[in-house]
């Protein structure tokens, strides 16, 4: 939860906990859905395991958002300032 939300911040672990619980519930429901069961076996087996998908999300979060989601605003601020406004 801290990895997803961001270590060293006050609201990072709260955000990570909410996101973790949401993903856990949604991935469990998705893994047992007919959409996953109708896929070929090479795709349906890993997608039917919610912990496998959640682990993949953790790996991608550490790779692409090393400071967690809480630090995303400060990391994107220079990019947003560099983009011209649409006005």
PDB file of N, CA and C in Angstrom:
ATOM      1  N   UNK A   1       0.828  -1.182   0.000  1.00  0.00           N
ATOM      2  CA  UNK A   1       0.000   0.000   0.000  1.00  0.00           C
ATOM      3  C   UNK A   1       0.873   1.245   0.000  1.00  0.00           C
ATOM      4  N   UNK A   2       1.959   1.196   0.734  1.00  0.00           N
ATOM      5  CA  UNK A   2       2.881   2.329   0.757  1.00  0.00           C
ATOM      6  C   UNK A   2       3.589   2.458  -0.587  1.00  0.00           C
ATOM      7  N   UNK A   3       3.903   1.339  -1.224  1.00  0.00           N
ATOM      8  CA  UNK A   3       4.576   1.382  -2.519  1.00  0.00           C
ATOM      9  C   UNK A   3       3.684   2.048  -3.554  1.00  0.00           C
ATOM     10  N   UNK A   4       2.417   1.718  -3.556  1.00  0.00           N
ATOM     11  CA  UNK A   4       1.495   2.319  -4.518  1.00  0.00           C
ATOM     12  C   UNK A   4       1.259   3.793  -4.229  1.00  0.00           C
ATOM     13  N   UNK A   5       1.045   4.130  -2.973  1.00  0.00           N
ATOM     14  CA  UNK A   5       0.707   5.498  -2.614  1.00  0.00           C
ATOM     15  C   UNK A   5       1.892   6.430  -2.558  1.00  0.00           C
ATOM     16  N   UNK A   6       2.977   5.963  -1.996  1.00  0.00           N
ATOM     17  CA  UNK A   6       4.173   6.792  -1.895  1.00  0.00           C
ATOM     18  C   UNK A   6       4.706   6.842  -0.482  1.00  0.00           C
ATOM     19  N   UNK A   7       5.952   6.425  -0.289  1.00  0.00           N
ATOM     20  CA  UNK A   7       6.552   6.477   1.045  1.00  0.00           C
ATOM     21  C   UNK A   7       6.933   7.907   1.423  1.00  0.00           C
ATOM     22  N   UNK A   8       6.906   8.190   2.687  1.00  0.00           N
ATOM     23  CA  UNK A   8       7.328   9.493   3.167  1.00  0.00           C
ATOM     24  C   UNK A   8       6.293  10.593   3.032  1.00  0.00           C
ATOM     25  N   UNK A   9       5.087  10.237   2.673  1.00  0.00           N
ATOM     26  CA  UNK A   9       4.021  11.231   2.582  1.00  0.00           C
ATOM     27  C   UNK A   9       2.911  10.859   3.554  1.00  0.00           C
ATOM     28  N   UNK A  10       2.114  11.826   3.895  1.00  0.00           N
ATOM     29  CA  UNK A  10       1.037  11.572   4.830  1.00  0.00           C
ATOM     30  C   UNK A  10      -0.115  10.828   4.170  1.00  0.00           C
ATOM     31  N   UNK A  11      -0.480  11.227   2.968  1.00  0.00           N
ATOM     32  CA  UNK A  11      -1.651  10.652   2.318  1.00  0.00           C
ATOM     33  C   UNK A  11      -1.315   9.538   1.345  1.00  0.00           C
ATOM     34  N   UNK A  12      -0.036   9.307   1.090  1.00  0.00           N
ATOM     35  CA  UNK A  12       0.366   8.257   0.176  1.00  0.00           C
ATOM     36  C   UNK A  12      -0.106   6.870   0.590  1.00  0.00           C
ATOM     37  N   UNK A  13       0.159   6.436   1.826  1.00  0.00           N
ATOM     38  CA  UNK A  13      -0.320   5.119   2.240  1.00  0.00           C
ATOM     39  C   UNK A  13      -1.846   5.001   2.252  1.00  0.00           C
ATOM     40  N   UNK A  14      -2.536   6.088   2.553  1.00  0.00           N
ATOM     41  CA  UNK A  14      -4.004   6.057   2.519  1.00  0.00           C
ATOM     42  C   UNK A  14      -4.475   5.870   1.078  1.00  0.00           C
ATOM     43  N   UNK A  15      -3.890   6.627   0.163  1.00  0.00           N
ATOM     44  CA  UNK A  15      -4.226   6.491  -1.248  1.00  0.00           C
ATOM     45  C   UNK A  15      -3.873   5.095  -1.754  1.00  0.00           C
ATOM     46  N   UNK A  16      -2.712   4.594  -1.366  1.00  0.00           N
ATOM     47  CA  UNK A  16      -2.303   3.250  -1.760  1.00  0.00           C
ATOM     48  C   UNK A  16      -3.215   2.177  -1.194  1.00  0.00           C
ATOM     49  N   UNK A  17      -3.670   2.344   0.041  1.00  0.00           N
ATOM     50  CA  UNK A  17      -4.592   1.379   0.643  1.00  0.00           C
ATOM     51  C   UNK A  17      -5.931   1.343  -0.062  1.00  0.00           C
ATOM     52  N   UNK A  18      -6.427   2.509  -0.402  1.00  0.00           N
ATOM     53  CA  UNK A  18      -7.701   2.572  -1.129  1.00  0.00           C
ATOM     54  C   UNK A  18      -7.556   1.934  -2.502  1.00  0.00           C
ATOM     55  N   UNK A  19      -6.470   2.253  -3.197  1.00  0.00           N
ATOM     56  CA  UNK A  19      -6.247   1.684  -4.520  1.00  0.00           C
ATOM     57  C   UNK A  19      -6.037   0.175  -4.453  1.00  0.00           C
ATOM     58  N   UNK A  20      -5.307  -0.289  -3.445  1.00  0.00           N
ATOM     59  CA  UNK A  20      -5.069  -1.722  -3.295  1.00  0.00           C
ATOM     60  C   UNK A  20      -6.387  -2.475  -3.064  1.00  0.00           C
ATOM     61  N   UNK A  21      -7.201  -1.985  -2.166  1.00  0.00           N
ATOM     62  CA  UNK A  21      -8.474  -2.667  -1.884  1.00  0.00           C
ATOM     63  C   UNK A  21      -9.392  -2.635  -3.097  1.00  0.00           C
ATOM     64  N   UNK A  22      -9.433  -1.525  -3.799  1.00  0.00           N
ATOM     65  CA  UNK A  22     -10.259  -1.433  -5.001  1.00  0.00           C
ATOM     66  C   UNK A  22      -9.793  -2.434  -6.055  1.00  0.00           C
ATOM     67  N   UNK A  23      -8.478  -2.457  -6.313  1.00  0.00           N
ATOM     68  CA  UNK A  23      -7.948  -3.381  -7.310  1.00  0.00           C
ATOM     69  C   UNK A  23      -8.157  -4.832  -6.895  1.00  0.00           C
ATOM     70  N   UNK A  24      -7.996  -5.128  -5.634  1.00  0.00           N
ATOM     71  CA  UNK A  24      -8.189  -6.492  -5.156  1.00  0.00           C
ATOM     72  C   UNK A  24      -9.616  -6.969  -5.409  1.00  0.00           C
ATOM     73  N   UNK A  25     -10.588  -6.151  -5.079  1.00  0.00           N
ATOM     74  CA  UNK A  25     -11.992  -6.531  -5.291  1.00  0.00           C
ATOM     75  C   UNK A  25     -12.337  -6.615  -6.772  1.00  0.00           C
ATOM     76  N   UNK A  26     -11.890  -5.644  -7.545  1.00  0.00           N
ATOM     77  CA  UNK A  26     -12.214  -5.639  -8.974  1.00  0.00           C
ATOM     78  C   UNK A  26     -11.516  -6.779  -9.714  1.00  0.00           C
ATOM     79  N   UNK A  27     -10.265  -7.064  -9.381  1.00  0.00           N
ATOM     80  CA  UNK A  27      -9.549  -8.138 -10.056  1.00  0.00           C
ATOM     81  C   UNK A  27     -10.087  -9.510  -9.687  1.00  0.00           C
ATOM     82  N   UNK A  28     -10.578  -9.668  -8.471  1.00  0.00           N
ATOM     83  CA  UNK A  28     -11.203 -10.931  -8.086  1.00  0.00           C
ATOM     84  C   UNK A  28     -12.475 -11.150  -8.894  1.00  0.00           C
ATOM     85  N   UNK A  29     -13.268 -10.114  -9.047  1.00  0.00           N
ATOM     86  CA  UNK A  29     -14.492 -10.228  -9.850  1.00  0.00           C
ATOM     87  C   UNK A  29     -14.158 -10.433 -11.324  1.00  0.00           C
ATOM     88  N   UNK A  30     -13.133  -9.760 -11.809  1.00  0.00           N
ATOM     89  CA  UNK A  30     -12.738  -9.889 -13.205  1.00  0.00           C
ATOM     90  C   UNK A  30     -12.190 -11.283 -13.510  1.00  0.00           C
ATOM     91  N   UNK A  31     -11.451 -11.864 -12.565  1.00  0.00           N
ATOM     92  CA  UNK A  31     -10.850 -13.175 -12.778  1.00  0.00           C
ATOM     93  C   UNK A  31     -11.856 -14.289 -12.920  1.00  0.00           C
ATOM     94  N   UNK A  32     -13.042 -14.119 -12.366  1.00  0.00           N
ATOM     95  CA  UNK A  32     -14.069 -15.153 -12.464  1.00  0.00           C
ATOM     96  C   UNK A  32     -15.136 -14.818 -13.503  1.00  0.00           C
ATOM     97  N   UNK A  33     -14.915 -13.783 -14.287  1.00  0.00           N
ATOM     98  CA  UNK A  33     -15.919 -13.377 -15.267  1.00  0.00           C
ATOM     99  C   UNK A  33     -15.870 -14.257 -16.515  1.00  0.00           C
ATOM    100  N   UNK A  34     -16.925 -14.214 -17.278  1.00  0.00           N
ATOM    101  CA  UNK A  34     -16.996 -14.979 -18.521  1.00  0.00           C
ATOM    102  C   UNK A  34     -16.025 -14.457 -19.570  1.00  0.00           C
ATOM    103  N   UNK A  35     -15.703 -13.173 -19.500  1.00  0.00           N
ATOM    104  CA  UNK A  35     -14.773 -12.589 -20.466  1.00  0.00           C
ATOM    105  C   UNK A  35     -13.391 -13.233 -20.358  1.00  0.00           C
ATOM    106  N   UNK A  36     -12.941 -13.487 -19.141  1.00  0.00           N
ATOM    107  CA  UNK A  36     -11.634 -14.107 -18.942  1.00  0.00           C
ATOM    108  C   UNK A  36     -11.685 -15.580 -19.324  1.00  0.00           C
ATOM    109  N   UNK A  37     -12.761 -16.252 -18.974  1.00  0.00           N
ATOM    110  CA  UNK A  37     -12.874 -17.681 -19.275  1.00  0.00           C
ATOM    111  C   UNK A  37     -12.964 -17.955 -20.772  1.00  0.00           C
ATOM    112  N   UNK A  38     -13.415 -16.993 -21.547  1.00  0.00           N
ATOM    113  CA  UNK A  38     -13.525 -17.200 -22.989  1.00  0.00           C
ATOM    114  C   UNK A  38     -12.212 -16.943 -23.729  1.00  0.00           C
ATOM    115  N   UNK A  39     -11.211 -16.422 -23.039  1.00  0.00           N
ATOM    116  CA  UNK A  39      -9.905 -16.183 -23.653  1.00  0.00           C
ATOM    117  C   UNK A  39      -9.146 -17.494 -23.828  1.00  0.00           C
ATOM    118  N   UNK A  40      -8.127 -17.509 -24.692  1.00  0.00           N
ATOM    119  CA  UNK A  40      -7.279 -18.708 -24.794  1.00  0.00           C
ATOM    120  C   UNK A  40      -6.597 -19.005 -23.455  1.00  0.00           C
ATOM    121  N   UNK A  41      -6.217 -20.252 -23.254  1.00  0.00           N
ATOM    122  CA  UNK A  41      -5.663 -20.691 -21.969  1.00  0.00           C
ATOM    123  C   UNK A  41      -4.406 -19.928 -21.577  1.00  0.00           C
ATOM    124  N   UNK A  42      -3.601 -19.536 -22.559  1.00  0.00           N
ATOM    125  CA  UNK A  42      -2.356 -18.829 -22.247  1.00  0.00           C
ATOM    126  C   UNK A  42      -2.632 -17.461 -21.609  1.00  0.00           C
ATOM    127  N   UNK A  43      -3.794 -16.881 -21.879  1.00  0.00           N
ATOM    128  CA  UNK A  43      -4.181 -15.604 -21.270  1.00  0.00           C
ATOM    129  C   UNK A  43      -5.107 -15.780 -20.090  1.00  0.00           C
ATOM    130  N   UNK A  44      -6.000 -16.749 -20.155  1.00  0.00           N
ATOM    131  CA  UNK A  44      -7.010 -16.874 -19.100  1.00  0.00           C
ATOM    132  C   UNK A  44      -6.426 -17.376 -17.784  1.00  0.00           C
ATOM    133  N   UNK A  45      -5.402 -18.196 -17.837  1.00  0.00           N
ATOM    134  CA  UNK A  45      -4.820 -18.703 -16.578  1.00  0.00           C
ATOM    135  C   UNK A  45      -4.195 -17.590 -15.744  1.00  0.00           C
ATOM    136  N   UNK A  46      -3.300 -16.750 -16.298  1.00  0.00           N
ATOM    137  CA  UNK A  46      -2.758 -15.681 -15.446  1.00  0.00           C
ATOM    138  C   UNK A  46      -3.794 -14.628 -15.066  1.00  0.00           C
ATOM    139  N   UNK A  47      -4.716 -14.319 -15.973  1.00  0.00           N
ATOM    140  CA  UNK A  47      -5.712 -13.291 -15.660  1.00  0.00           C
ATOM    141  C   UNK A  47      -6.749 -13.769 -14.651  1.00  0.00           C
ATOM    142  N   UNK A  48      -6.894 -15.069 -14.502  1.00  0.00           N
ATOM    143  CA  UNK A  48      -7.853 -15.577 -13.515  1.00  0.00           C
ATOM    144  C   UNK A  48      -7.262 -15.580 -12.108  1.00  0.00           C
ATOM    145  N   UNK A  49      -5.974 -15.254 -11.981  1.00  0.00           N
ATOM    146  CA  UNK A  49      -5.309 -15.173 -10.675  1.00  0.00           C
ATOM    147  C   UNK A  49      -5.142 -13.709 -10.290  1.00  0.00           C
ATOM    148  N   UNK A  50      -5.985 -13.194  -9.413  1.00  0.00           N
ATOM    149  CA  UNK A  50      -5.908 -11.760  -9.104  1.00  0.00           C
ATOM    150  C   UNK A  50      -4.590 -11.346  -8.460  1.00  0.00           C
ATOM    151  N   UNK A  51      -3.957 -12.222  -7.703  1.00  0.00           N
ATOM    152  CA  UNK A  51      -2.692 -11.843  -7.078  1.00  0.00           C
ATOM    153  C   UNK A  51      -1.573 -11.710  -8.101  1.00  0.00           C
ATOM    154  N   UNK A  52      -1.626 -12.477  -9.179  1.00  0.00           N
ATOM    155  CA  UNK A  52      -0.642 -12.329 -10.256  1.00  0.00           C
ATOM    156  C   UNK A  52      -0.780 -10.961 -10.911  1.00  0.00           C
ATOM    157  N   UNK A  53      -1.995 -10.575 -11.200  1.00  0.00           N
ATOM    158  CA  UNK A  53      -2.231  -9.277 -11.844  1.00  0.00           C
ATOM    159  C   UNK A  53      -1.869  -8.144 -10.884  1.00  0.00           C
ATOM    160  N   UNK A  54      -2.213  -8.290  -9.608  1.00  0.00           N
ATOM    161  CA  UNK A  54      -1.893  -7.260  -8.627  1.00  0.00           C
ATOM    162  C   UNK A  54      -0.376  -7.135  -8.443  1.00  0.00           C
ATOM    163  N   UNK A  55       0.342  -8.242  -8.472  1.00  0.00           N
ATOM    164  CA  UNK A  55       1.799  -8.201  -8.407  1.00  0.00           C
ATOM    165  C   UNK A  55       2.400  -7.488  -9.602  1.00  0.00           C
ATOM    166  N   UNK A  56       1.805  -7.708 -10.764  1.00  0.00           N
ATOM    167  CA  UNK A  56       2.263  -7.011 -11.972  1.00  0.00           C
ATOM    168  C   UNK A  56       2.027  -5.508 -11.839  1.00  0.00           C
ATOM    169  N   UNK A  57       0.911  -5.127 -11.262  1.00  0.00           N
ATOM    170  CA  UNK A  57       0.628  -3.707 -11.033  1.00  0.00           C
ATOM    171  C   UNK A  57       1.662  -3.108 -10.083  1.00  0.00           C
ATOM    172  N   UNK A  58       2.043  -3.846  -9.034  1.00  0.00           N
ATOM    173  CA  UNK A  58       3.067  -3.361  -8.113  1.00  0.00           C
ATOM    174  C   UNK A  58       4.398  -3.158  -8.823  1.00  0.00           C
ATOM    175  N   UNK A  59       4.791  -4.108  -9.652  1.00  0.00           N
ATOM    176  CA  UNK A  59       6.059  -3.991 -10.376  1.00  0.00           C
ATOM    177  C   UNK A  59       6.041  -2.778 -11.298  1.00  0.00           C
ATOM    178  N   UNK A  60       4.947  -2.591 -12.009  1.00  0.00           N
ATOM    179  CA  UNK A  60       4.842  -1.437 -12.902  1.00  0.00           C
ATOM    180  C   UNK A  60       4.812  -0.122 -12.127  1.00  0.00           C
ATOM    181  N   UNK A  61       4.177  -0.110 -10.962  1.00  0.00           N
ATOM    182  CA  UNK A  61       4.138   1.109 -10.142  1.00  0.00           C
ATOM    183  C   UNK A  61       5.529   1.479  -9.653  1.00  0.00           C
ATOM    184  N   UNK A  62       6.310   0.507  -9.235  1.00  0.00           N
ATOM    185  CA  UNK A  62       7.669   0.793  -8.770  1.00  0.00           C
ATOM    186  C   UNK A  62       8.541   1.262  -9.923  1.00  0.00           C
ATOM    187  N   UNK A  63       8.326   0.681 -11.084  1.00  0.00           N
ATOM    188  CA  UNK A  63       9.151   1.040 -12.238  1.00  0.00           C
ATOM    189  C   UNK A  63       8.806   2.432 -12.781  1.00  0.00           C
ATOM    190  N   UNK A  64       7.513   2.711 -12.955  1.00  0.00           N
ATOM    191  CA  UNK A  64       7.110   3.973 -13.584  1.00  0.00           C
ATOM    192  C   UNK A  64       6.841   5.107 -12.589  1.00  0.00           C
ATOM    193  N   UNK A  65       6.477   4.792 -11.349  1.00  0.00           N
ATOM    194  CA  UNK A  65       6.191   5.802 -10.325  1.00  0.00           C
ATOM    195  C   UNK A  65       7.007   5.487  -9.078  1.00  0.00           C
ATOM    196  N   UNK A  66       8.321   5.715  -9.096  1.00  0.00           N
ATOM    197  CA  UNK A  66       9.142   5.315  -7.947  1.00  0.00           C
ATOM    198  C   UNK A  66       8.784   6.025  -6.641  1.00  0.00           C
ATOM    199  N   UNK A  67       8.180   7.172  -6.703  1.00  0.00           N
ATOM    200  CA  UNK A  67       7.770   7.873  -5.491  1.00  0.00           C
ATOM    201  C   UNK A  67       6.328   7.607  -5.124  1.00  0.00           C
ATOM    202  N   UNK A  68       5.668   6.733  -5.838  1.00  0.00           N
ATOM    203  CA  UNK A  68       4.269   6.438  -5.583  1.00  0.00           C
ATOM    204  C   UNK A  68       3.355   7.438  -6.259  1.00  0.00           C
ATOM    205  N   UNK A  69       2.086   7.224  -6.120  1.00  0.00           N
ATOM    206  CA  UNK A  69       1.100   8.096  -6.752  1.00  0.00           C
ATOM    207  C   UNK A  69       1.029   9.469  -6.098  1.00  0.00           C
ATOM    208  N   UNK A  70       1.413   9.567  -4.829  1.00  0.00           N
ATOM    209  CA  UNK A  70       1.357  10.853  -4.137  1.00  0.00           C
ATOM    210  C   UNK A  70       2.370  11.842  -4.703  1.00  0.00           C
ATOM    211  N   UNK A  71       3.488  11.347  -5.232  1.00  0.00           N
ATOM    212  CA  UNK A  71       4.499  12.251  -5.787  1.00  0.00           C
ATOM    213  C   UNK A  71       4.293  12.495  -7.275  1.00  0.00           C
ATOM    214  N   UNK A  72       3.244  11.958  -7.832  1.00  0.00           N
ATOM    215  CA  UNK A  72       3.003  12.107  -9.257  1.00  0.00           C
ATOM    216  C   UNK A  72       2.761  13.565  -9.640  1.00  0.00           C
ATOM    217  N   UNK A  73       2.069  14.297  -8.808  1.00  0.00           N
ATOM    218  CA  UNK A  73       1.783  15.717  -9.099  1.00  0.00           C
ATOM    219  C   UNK A  73       3.070  16.531  -9.177  1.00  0.00           C
ATOM    220  N   UNK A  74       3.980  16.316  -8.259  1.00  0.00           N
ATOM    221  CA  UNK A  74       5.225  17.089  -8.276  1.00  0.00           C
ATOM    222  C   UNK A  74       6.133  16.662  -9.430  1.00  0.00           C
ATOM    223  N   UNK A  75       6.049  15.408  -9.842  1.00  0.00           N
ATOM    224  CA  UNK A  75       6.865  14.946 -10.964  1.00  0.00           C
ATOM    225  C   UNK A  75       6.331  15.448 -12.298  1.00  0.00           C
ATOM    226  N   UNK A  76       5.027  15.661 -12.387  1.00  0.00           N
ATOM    227  CA  UNK A  76       4.428  16.121 -13.633  1.00  0.00           C
ATOM    228  C   UNK A  76       4.330  17.643 -13.725  1.00  0.00           C
ATOM    229  N   UNK A  77       4.615  18.358 -12.648  1.00  0.00           N
ATOM    230  CA  UNK A  77       4.493  19.813 -12.635  1.00  0.00           C
ATOM    231  C   UNK A  77       5.371  20.483 -13.699  1.00  0.00           C
ATOM    232  N   UNK A  78       6.649  20.118 -13.864  1.00  0.00           N
ATOM    233  CA  UNK A  78       7.445  20.767 -14.926  1.00  0.00           C
ATOM    234  C   UNK A  78       6.879  20.501 -16.321  1.00  0.00           C
ATOM    235  N   UNK A  79       6.352  19.314 -16.531  1.00  0.00           N
ATOM    236  CA  UNK A  79       5.768  19.001 -17.831  1.00  0.00           C
ATOM    237  C   UNK A  79       4.517  19.833 -18.084  1.00  0.00           C
ATOM    238  N   UNK A  80       3.688  19.987 -17.078  1.00  0.00           N
ATOM    239  CA  UNK A  80       2.470  20.783 -17.235  1.00  0.00           C
ATOM    240  C   UNK A  80       2.780  22.258 -17.448  1.00  0.00           C
ATOM    241  N   UNK A  81       3.844  22.766 -16.823  1.00  0.00           N
ATOM    242  CA  UNK A  81       4.238  24.158 -17.036  1.00  0.00           C
ATOM    243  C   UNK A  81       4.801  24.372 -18.432  1.00  0.00           C
ATOM    244  N   UNK A  82       5.453  23.376 -18.990  1.00  0.00           N
ATOM    245  CA  UNK A  82       6.060  23.488 -20.304  1.00  0.00           C
ATOM    246  C   UNK A  82       5.039  23.429 -21.428  1.00  0.00           C
ATOM    247  N   UNK A  83       3.925  22.777 -21.193  1.00  0.00           N
ATOM    248  CA  UNK A  83       2.894  22.674 -22.218  1.00  0.00           C
ATOM    249  C   UNK A  83       2.152  23.999 -22.342  1.00  0.00           C
ATOM    250  N   UNK A  84       1.867  24.428 -23.560  1.00  0.00           N
ATOM    251  CA  UNK A  84       1.108  25.681 -23.711  1.00  0.00           C
ATOM    252  C   UNK A  84      -0.341  25.468 -23.282  1.00  0.00           C
ATOM    253  N   UNK A  85      -0.916  26.517 -22.741  1.00  0.00           N
ATOM    254  CA  UNK A  85      -2.315  26.413 -22.331  1.00  0.00           C
ATOM    255  C   UNK A  85      -3.217  26.432 -23.560  1.00  0.00           C
ATOM    256  N   UNK A  86      -4.400  25.911 -23.441  1.00  0.00           N
ATOM    257  CA  UNK A  86      -5.338  25.814 -24.565  1.00  0.00           C
ATOM    258  C   UNK A  86      -6.211  27.034 -24.697  1.00  0.00           C
ATOM    259  N   UNK A  87      -5.979  28.038 -23.960  1.00  0.00           N
ATOM    260  CA  UNK A  87      -6.828  29.242 -24.000  1.00  0.00           C
ATOM    261  C   UNK A  87      -6.534  30.084 -25.187  1.00  0.00           C
TER     262      UNK A  87
END
